[in-house]
Amino acid sequence: MASLTLQNISKDFGTAKVLQDIDLAIHDREFIVFVGPSGCGKSTLLRIIAGLESATAGRIIIADQDVSALPPVERGIAMVFQSYALYPHLTVFENIAFPLRVQKLPEAEVKAKVAKAAEILQLNDKLMLKPGQLSGGQRQRVAIGRSIVRNPKVFLFDEPLSNLDAALRGDMRVELSQLHRDLSATMIYVTHDQIEAMTMAHRIVVLNKGRIEQFGTPMELYHHPATKFVATFIGQPNMNLLPAKVMGTGAEGLSVEFRGGLRMILPVDTANAIAGDTVDVGLRPENAALGTGLSMKLRVLERLGGVTIAYCVMADGQRFCASLTGDTALAEGQSIDVTFNPADCHVFDASGNVMRRRIAPAIAA
């Protein structure tokens, strides 16, 4: 397998800037996920790596070789598409063997490579079937098998699970993670689903409007989001964002007042804060608890067994979500108070960037 480096990759379609100055260093055998909303440029970036699109500027280096000008077949990559792209008239064996037939390899070598891929993907008993006789998950495994037999330096996946139902997507996430371990492969995976990103990736690239918002491990992005966009995109249910007015700054941190009158001192760096500013205070639903604090009314309860998700609304219309214990005795329409620890808060300035946390303990005003 191989490392992959992107240097100052940009892509323009006329006056539209789809990607802007993308720099990435992907290590050998890493599982990297590109995630972001529709239109953020993640699939375009994958296609540029594959050689299916040309970059307006920048370089692509795979295994220490500049492949920017090489056609796809010479880049040492294999790509798995969302649509499977199988030949319906060919058997599973011949679909997997197709790239080997193109290379005109000896029949014995073709059979050996297909057998090995089929064993890894648990398709041994499906080799004589046609794609129409397979489930969606099995067809996706055939498409992956066609990539495996090429022995590529880098595997590319373009939203391969989006055509599957929810239960099968969960199963396939596990299978792909196991496949990565079995192959010790470098894999780059594109999805709009942050759950897929969190559960599968070694590191996640969060893209927004053609730029990298943040690049890090799932837990780095979850616990230390660099921007408001990353904070609300990563995590489910979404992070709550509560507007608050800066009342003052001090050695302990930032003194703020929420709508409704609740005041707190948040342990963050106050270097760029001025009294009178408005900041957004982010709180994960699981960090909220019942208790004296913010008053709100329950709109909807989702009881999931182990947890209950409470969707609430405050007097000023601000929405709030709390993840509570599964047997919490609440009813829709009920008024409740919610409390939280200031140390669990993420504070974002007017530009959407996070205000760095202090190490000092939180103090409630």
Protein backbone atom coordinates (compact mmCIF):
# COMPACT_ATOMS: atom_id res chain seq x y z
CA MET A 1 0.00 0.00 0.00
CA ALA A 2 1.07 3.64 0.05
CA SER A 3 0.89 7.11 1.51
CA LEU A 4 -0.89 9.90 -0.37
CA THR A 5 -0.17 13.63 -0.32
CA LEU A 6 -2.27 16.44 -1.75
CA GLN A 7 -0.51 19.76 -2.26
CA ASN A 8 -2.53 22.94 -2.85
CA ILE A 9 -5.28 21.20 -4.81
CA SER A 10 -7.80 23.61 -6.31
CA LYS A 11 -10.63 23.03 -8.75
CA ASP A 12 -12.62 25.66 -10.64
CA PHE A 13 -15.62 25.15 -12.90
CA GLY A 14 -15.66 28.46 -14.73
CA THR A 15 -16.05 31.12 -12.06
CA ALA A 16 -17.19 28.59 -9.44
CA LYS A 17 -14.42 27.59 -7.03
CA VAL A 18 -15.25 24.02 -6.00
CA LEU A 19 -12.02 23.26 -4.09
CA GLN A 20 -9.57 25.77 -2.65
CA ASP A 21 -5.98 25.05 -1.56
CA ILE A 22 -6.45 21.52 -0.24
CA ASP A 23 -3.38 20.22 1.60
CA LEU A 24 -3.48 16.71 3.07
CA ALA A 25 -0.96 14.10 4.17
CA ILE A 26 -2.50 10.63 4.39
CA HIS A 27 -0.37 7.92 5.95
CA ASP A 28 0.21 4.42 4.63
CA ARG A 29 -2.61 2.03 5.66
CA GLU A 30 -4.84 4.77 7.07
CA PHE A 31 -8.61 4.76 6.69
CA ILE A 32 -9.50 8.36 5.86
CA VAL A 33 -13.04 9.65 5.46
CA PHE A 34 -14.04 12.79 3.55
CA VAL A 35 -17.28 14.08 5.04
CA GLY A 36 -19.38 17.16 4.54
CA PRO A 37 -22.71 18.42 3.21
CA SER A 38 -23.82 18.10 -0.41
CA GLY A 39 -21.82 20.40 -2.65
CA CYS A 40 -18.82 20.72 -0.33
CA GLY A 41 -16.42 19.19 -2.90
CA LYS A 42 -15.72 15.79 -1.32
CA SER A 43 -16.63 13.65 -4.35
CA THR A 44 -14.83 16.04 -6.70
CA LEU A 45 -11.70 15.72 -4.55
CA LEU A 46 -11.92 11.92 -4.69
CA ARG A 47 -12.34 12.00 -8.47
CA ILE A 48 -9.27 14.25 -8.77
CA ILE A 49 -7.25 11.72 -6.76
CA ALA A 50 -8.55 8.96 -9.06
CA GLY A 51 -7.68 10.93 -12.19
CA LEU A 52 -11.31 11.13 -13.34
CA GLU A 53 -11.19 14.93 -12.92
CA SER A 54 -8.23 17.21 -13.47
CA ALA A 55 -7.24 19.73 -10.80
CA THR A 56 -7.02 23.38 -11.75
CA ALA A 57 -3.88 23.60 -9.61
CA GLY A 58 -1.87 21.44 -7.24
CA ARG A 59 -0.06 18.09 -7.08
CA ILE A 60 -1.04 14.52 -6.15
CA ILE A 61 1.69 12.25 -4.80
CA ILE A 62 1.09 8.53 -4.26
CA ALA A 63 3.90 6.41 -2.80
CA ASP A 64 6.37 9.25 -3.35
CA GLN A 65 5.48 9.49 -7.06
CA ASP A 66 3.85 12.58 -8.58
CA VAL A 67 0.83 11.14 -10.41
CA SER A 68 -0.85 14.47 -11.21
CA ALA A 69 -0.45 14.01 -14.97
CA LEU A 70 -0.97 10.23 -15.09
CA PRO A 71 -4.21 8.60 -16.34
CA PRO A 72 -6.28 6.64 -13.78
CA VAL A 73 -4.97 3.24 -14.85
CA GLU A 74 -1.38 4.25 -14.06
CA ARG A 75 -2.00 5.76 -10.62
CA GLY A 76 -2.20 2.52 -8.68
CA ILE A 77 -5.70 3.21 -7.39
CA ALA A 78 -8.99 1.31 -7.45
CA MET A 79 -12.35 3.01 -7.06
CA VAL A 80 -15.66 1.63 -5.78
CA PHE A 81 -18.68 3.62 -6.91
CA GLN A 82 -22.07 4.23 -5.33
CA SER A 83 -23.85 2.51 -8.23
CA TYR A 84 -21.84 -0.79 -8.05
CA ALA A 85 -21.23 -0.59 -11.86
CA LEU A 86 -21.50 -4.36 -12.33
CA TYR A 87 -22.06 -6.11 -15.64
CA PRO A 88 -25.52 -7.74 -15.32
CA HIS A 89 -24.85 -10.42 -17.96
CA LEU A 90 -21.64 -11.65 -16.26
CA THR A 91 -21.35 -13.94 -13.26
CA VAL A 92 -19.89 -12.75 -9.98
CA PHE A 93 -16.67 -14.54 -10.90
CA GLU A 94 -16.38 -12.73 -14.23
CA ASN A 95 -17.31 -9.36 -12.73
CA ILE A 96 -14.50 -9.69 -10.22
CA ALA A 97 -12.14 -11.06 -12.86
CA PHE A 98 -12.88 -8.34 -15.42
CA PRO A 99 -9.86 -6.08 -14.72
CA LEU A 100 -7.63 -9.15 -14.78
CA ARG A 101 -9.03 -10.16 -18.17
CA VAL A 102 -8.23 -6.67 -19.45
CA GLN A 103 -4.63 -7.19 -18.29
CA LYS A 104 -4.62 -10.56 -20.12
CA LEU A 105 -3.31 -12.45 -17.10
CA PRO A 106 -2.97 -16.25 -17.29
CA GLU A 107 -6.15 -18.14 -16.35
CA ALA A 108 -4.54 -19.79 -13.34
CA GLU A 109 -3.57 -16.41 -11.92
CA VAL A 110 -7.05 -15.03 -12.59
CA LYS A 111 -8.66 -17.93 -10.72
CA ALA A 112 -6.27 -17.60 -7.79
CA LYS A 113 -6.83 -13.85 -7.41
CA VAL A 114 -10.62 -14.14 -7.70
CA ALA A 115 -10.69 -17.00 -5.20
CA LYS A 116 -8.68 -14.99 -2.71
CA ALA A 117 -10.95 -11.94 -3.05
CA ALA A 118 -14.08 -14.09 -2.80
CA GLU A 119 -12.79 -15.67 0.40
CA ILE A 120 -12.07 -12.29 1.98
CA LEU A 121 -15.54 -11.01 1.02
CA GLN A 122 -17.41 -14.25 1.81
CA LEU A 123 -18.60 -14.65 -1.77
CA ASN A 124 -17.30 -18.19 -2.40
CA ASP A 125 -20.80 -19.63 -2.83
CA LYS A 126 -21.98 -16.75 -5.06
CA LEU A 127 -19.36 -16.89 -7.82
CA MET A 128 -21.65 -18.49 -10.43
CA LEU A 129 -24.61 -16.18 -9.77
CA LYS A 130 -25.49 -13.03 -11.74
CA PRO A 131 -25.71 -9.61 -10.03
CA GLY A 132 -29.51 -9.65 -10.30
CA GLN A 133 -29.60 -12.68 -8.00
CA LEU A 134 -27.71 -10.86 -5.21
CA SER A 135 -28.74 -8.54 -2.42
CA GLY A 136 -27.53 -4.93 -2.38
CA GLY A 137 -24.85 -5.72 0.16
CA GLN A 138 -23.60 -8.69 -1.85
CA ARG A 139 -23.43 -6.60 -5.03
CA GLN A 140 -21.40 -3.99 -3.19
CA ARG A 141 -19.00 -6.71 -2.04
CA VAL A 142 -18.61 -7.85 -5.66
CA ALA A 143 -17.69 -4.28 -6.65
CA ILE A 144 -15.13 -4.23 -3.84
CA GLY A 145 -13.80 -7.61 -4.97
CA ARG A 146 -13.17 -6.21 -8.44
CA SER A 147 -10.98 -3.58 -6.76
CA ILE A 148 -9.15 -6.03 -4.50
CA VAL A 149 -7.89 -8.21 -7.37
CA ARG A 150 -6.08 -5.22 -8.87
CA ASN A 151 -3.91 -5.01 -5.74
CA PRO A 152 -3.99 -1.18 -5.79
CA LYS A 153 -1.85 1.17 -3.74
CA VAL A 154 -4.94 3.12 -2.61
CA PHE A 155 -8.63 2.18 -2.44
CA LEU A 156 -11.18 4.94 -3.11
CA PHE A 157 -14.84 4.62 -2.07
CA ASP A 158 -17.47 7.11 -3.30
CA GLU A 159 -20.50 6.83 -0.99
CA PRO A 160 -20.68 3.05 -1.47
CA LEU A 161 -23.41 2.44 1.13
CA SER A 162 -25.89 5.17 0.24
CA ASN A 163 -28.11 2.81 -1.82
CA LEU A 164 -28.53 0.36 1.07
CA ASP A 165 -31.19 0.33 3.76
CA ALA A 166 -30.28 1.44 7.30
CA ALA A 167 -29.77 -2.05 8.77
CA LEU A 168 -27.60 -3.19 5.87
CA ARG A 169 -25.54 0.00 6.02
CA GLY A 170 -24.73 -0.83 9.63
CA ASP A 171 -23.64 -4.34 8.67
CA MET A 172 -21.54 -3.08 5.77
CA ARG A 173 -19.77 -0.51 7.97
CA VAL A 174 -18.54 -3.38 10.11
CA GLU A 175 -17.53 -5.41 7.03
CA LEU A 176 -15.58 -2.52 5.49
CA SER A 177 -13.74 -1.86 8.74
CA GLN A 178 -12.83 -5.55 8.95
CA LEU A 179 -11.79 -5.52 5.29
CA HIS A 180 -9.44 -2.63 5.97
CA ARG A 181 -7.79 -4.58 8.77
CA ASP A 182 -7.56 -7.75 6.67
CA LEU A 183 -5.96 -5.94 3.71
CA SER A 184 -3.84 -3.47 5.72
CA ALA A 185 -4.80 -1.05 2.97
CA THR A 186 -4.77 2.71 2.46
CA MET A 187 -8.42 3.66 2.01
CA ILE A 188 -10.16 6.96 1.30
CA TYR A 189 -13.91 6.96 1.76
CA VAL A 190 -16.42 9.68 0.85
CA THR A 191 -19.74 10.05 2.65
CA HIS A 192 -22.23 12.67 3.76
CA ASP A 193 -23.13 10.47 6.75
CA GLN A 194 -21.22 11.56 9.86
CA ILE A 195 -22.05 8.26 11.62
CA GLU A 196 -20.13 6.37 8.90
CA ALA A 197 -17.27 8.83 9.34
CA MET A 198 -17.17 8.51 13.13
CA THR A 199 -17.39 4.71 13.22
CA MET A 200 -14.97 3.82 10.41
CA ALA A 201 -12.26 6.47 10.11
CA HIS A 202 -8.81 6.69 11.60
CA ARG A 203 -8.99 10.38 10.71
CA ILE A 204 -11.76 12.51 9.24
CA VAL A 205 -11.50 15.38 6.76
CA VAL A 206 -14.44 17.73 7.29
CA LEU A 207 -15.06 19.74 4.13
CA ASN A 208 -17.25 22.83 3.81
CA LYS A 209 -17.61 25.05 0.75
CA GLY A 210 -14.51 23.61 -0.88
CA ARG A 211 -12.21 24.07 2.10
CA ILE A 212 -10.99 21.83 4.91
CA GLU A 213 -12.66 22.91 8.14
CA GLN A 214 -10.77 20.39 10.27
CA PHE A 215 -8.72 17.19 9.91
CA GLY A 216 -8.34 14.87 12.87
CA THR A 217 -9.43 11.70 14.64
CA PRO A 218 -13.14 11.19 15.29
CA MET A 219 -12.72 11.94 19.00
CA GLU A 220 -10.60 15.04 18.32
CA LEU A 221 -13.37 16.42 16.12
CA TYR A 222 -16.05 15.44 18.61
CA HIS A 223 -14.42 16.80 21.76
CA HIS A 224 -12.37 19.65 20.26
CA PRO A 225 -14.17 21.07 17.21
CA ALA A 226 -12.25 23.98 15.71
CA THR A 227 -15.29 25.72 14.25
CA LYS A 228 -19.01 26.01 14.79
CA PHE A 229 -19.59 24.13 11.54
CA VAL A 230 -17.59 21.09 12.69
CA ALA A 231 -19.24 21.19 16.12
CA THR A 232 -22.74 20.98 14.67
CA PHE A 233 -21.90 18.58 11.84
CA ILE A 234 -20.14 15.95 13.95
CA GLY A 235 -22.25 14.24 16.61
CA GLN A 236 -25.82 12.98 16.72
CA PRO A 237 -28.11 14.45 17.93
CA ASN A 238 -26.56 17.75 16.87
CA MET A 239 -24.81 20.03 19.33
CA ASN A 240 -27.01 22.73 20.85
CA LEU A 241 -25.96 26.31 20.07
CA LEU A 242 -27.17 28.91 22.57
CA PRO A 243 -26.56 32.62 21.95
CA ALA A 244 -25.17 34.43 25.00
CA LYS A 245 -24.08 37.99 25.76
CA VAL A 246 -20.57 38.61 27.10
CA MET A 247 -20.90 40.37 30.45
CA GLY A 248 -17.19 40.56 31.24
CA THR A 249 -13.84 38.81 31.25
CA GLY A 250 -11.49 37.79 34.01
CA ALA A 251 -8.88 35.34 35.19
CA GLU A 252 -11.55 32.63 35.58
CA GLY A 253 -12.85 32.99 32.04
CA LEU A 254 -15.73 34.50 30.15
CA SER A 255 -18.80 35.74 32.03
CA VAL A 256 -21.92 35.32 29.88
CA GLU A 257 -25.67 35.72 30.23
CA PHE A 258 -28.06 33.45 28.35
CA ARG A 259 -31.50 34.49 27.23
CA GLY A 260 -33.74 34.02 30.22
CA GLY A 261 -31.22 35.47 32.65
CA LEU A 262 -28.96 32.49 33.49
CA ARG A 263 -25.37 33.62 34.04
CA MET A 264 -22.21 31.50 33.95
CA ILE A 265 -18.47 31.86 33.84
CA LEU A 266 -17.11 29.72 31.02
CA PRO A 267 -13.46 28.58 31.29
CA VAL A 268 -12.20 29.83 27.93
CA ASP A 269 -9.48 32.20 26.76
CA THR A 270 -10.88 35.73 26.80
CA ALA A 271 -8.14 37.47 24.80
CA ASN A 272 -10.45 38.34 21.89
CA ALA A 273 -13.65 38.88 23.90
CA ILE A 274 -15.22 42.24 24.74
CA ALA A 275 -18.16 42.96 27.02
CA GLY A 276 -21.30 43.33 24.92
CA ASP A 277 -20.22 40.78 22.29
CA THR A 278 -22.51 37.90 21.43
CA VAL A 279 -21.06 34.38 21.39
CA ASP A 280 -22.55 30.99 20.63
CA VAL A 281 -22.26 28.47 23.45
CA GLY A 282 -22.27 24.86 22.23
CA LEU A 283 -23.43 21.97 24.42
CA ARG A 284 -23.68 18.30 23.47
CA PRO A 285 -27.12 16.80 24.27
CA GLU A 286 -25.53 14.17 26.51
CA ASN A 287 -24.00 16.91 28.67
CA ALA A 288 -27.42 18.29 29.62
CA ALA A 289 -29.29 17.10 32.73
CA LEU A 290 -32.51 17.92 34.55
CA GLY A 291 -31.93 20.60 37.19
CA THR A 292 -32.10 24.32 37.88
CA GLY A 293 -30.82 26.28 34.90
CA LEU A 294 -32.52 26.96 31.57
CA SER A 295 -36.33 26.73 31.45
CA MET A 296 -37.99 25.12 28.45
CA LYS A 297 -40.96 23.08 27.32
CA LEU A 298 -40.81 19.51 25.99
CA ARG A 299 -41.96 19.26 22.38
CA VAL A 300 -41.16 15.65 21.47
CA LEU A 301 -39.74 12.66 23.35
CA GLU A 302 -37.94 9.85 21.52
CA ARG A 303 -37.58 6.82 23.78
CA LEU A 304 -34.84 4.60 22.41
CA GLY A 305 -34.59 2.19 25.34
CA GLY A 306 -31.26 3.03 26.94
CA VAL A 307 -31.66 6.76 26.31
CA THR A 308 -34.49 9.23 25.87
CA ILE A 309 -33.97 12.14 23.48
CA ALA A 310 -35.88 15.23 24.62
CA TYR A 311 -36.54 17.92 21.99
CA CYS A 312 -37.43 21.15 23.72
CA VAL A 313 -38.16 24.80 23.00
CA MET A 314 -37.33 27.81 25.17
CA ALA A 315 -39.58 30.82 25.71
CA ASP A 316 -37.84 32.82 22.96
CA GLY A 317 -38.22 30.00 20.42
CA GLN A 318 -34.66 28.69 20.82
CA ARG A 319 -34.61 24.90 20.36
CA PHE A 320 -32.70 22.58 22.65
CA CYS A 321 -32.01 18.83 22.65
CA ALA A 322 -31.11 16.76 25.72
CA SER A 323 -30.07 13.10 25.85
CA LEU A 324 -31.40 11.68 29.13
CA THR A 325 -31.62 8.26 30.76
CA GLY A 326 -34.04 5.87 29.10
CA ASP A 327 -36.53 5.65 31.97
CA THR A 328 -36.73 9.42 32.64
CA ALA A 329 -40.28 10.19 33.81
CA LEU A 330 -41.26 13.02 31.46
CA ALA A 331 -44.23 13.83 29.24
CA GLU A 332 -44.54 15.87 26.06
CA GLY A 333 -45.78 19.39 26.78
CA GLN A 334 -44.22 19.41 30.24
CA SER A 335 -42.12 22.37 31.43
CA ILE A 336 -38.64 21.43 32.64
CA ASP A 337 -35.37 23.02 33.74
CA VAL A 338 -32.05 21.87 32.29
CA THR A 339 -28.61 22.36 33.80
CA PHE A 340 -25.08 21.72 32.59
CA ASN A 341 -21.45 22.07 33.61
CA PRO A 342 -19.71 25.15 32.16
CA ALA A 343 -16.61 23.00 31.55
CA ASP A 344 -18.61 20.98 29.00
CA CYS A 345 -19.36 24.05 26.88
CA HIS A 346 -17.74 25.01 23.59
CA VAL A 347 -17.70 28.76 22.92
CA PHE A 348 -17.62 30.19 19.38
CA ASP A 349 -16.89 33.79 18.47
CA ALA A 350 -18.70 35.86 15.85
CA SER A 351 -16.56 34.38 13.05
CA GLY A 352 -17.51 30.83 14.05
CA ASN A 353 -14.11 29.86 15.45
CA VAL A 354 -13.80 28.14 18.80
CA MET A 355 -12.46 30.07 21.77
CA ARG A 356 -9.67 27.99 23.33
CA ARG A 357 -10.51 26.38 26.67
CA ARG A 358 -8.67 27.15 29.86
CA ILE A 359 -7.40 24.35 32.06
CA ALA A 360 -8.74 26.05 35.17
CA PRO A 361 -11.92 24.53 36.71
CA ALA A 362 -15.30 25.90 35.74
CA ILE A 363 -17.07 28.33 38.05
CA ALA A 364 -20.81 28.93 37.99
CA ALA A 365 -21.80 32.59 38.44
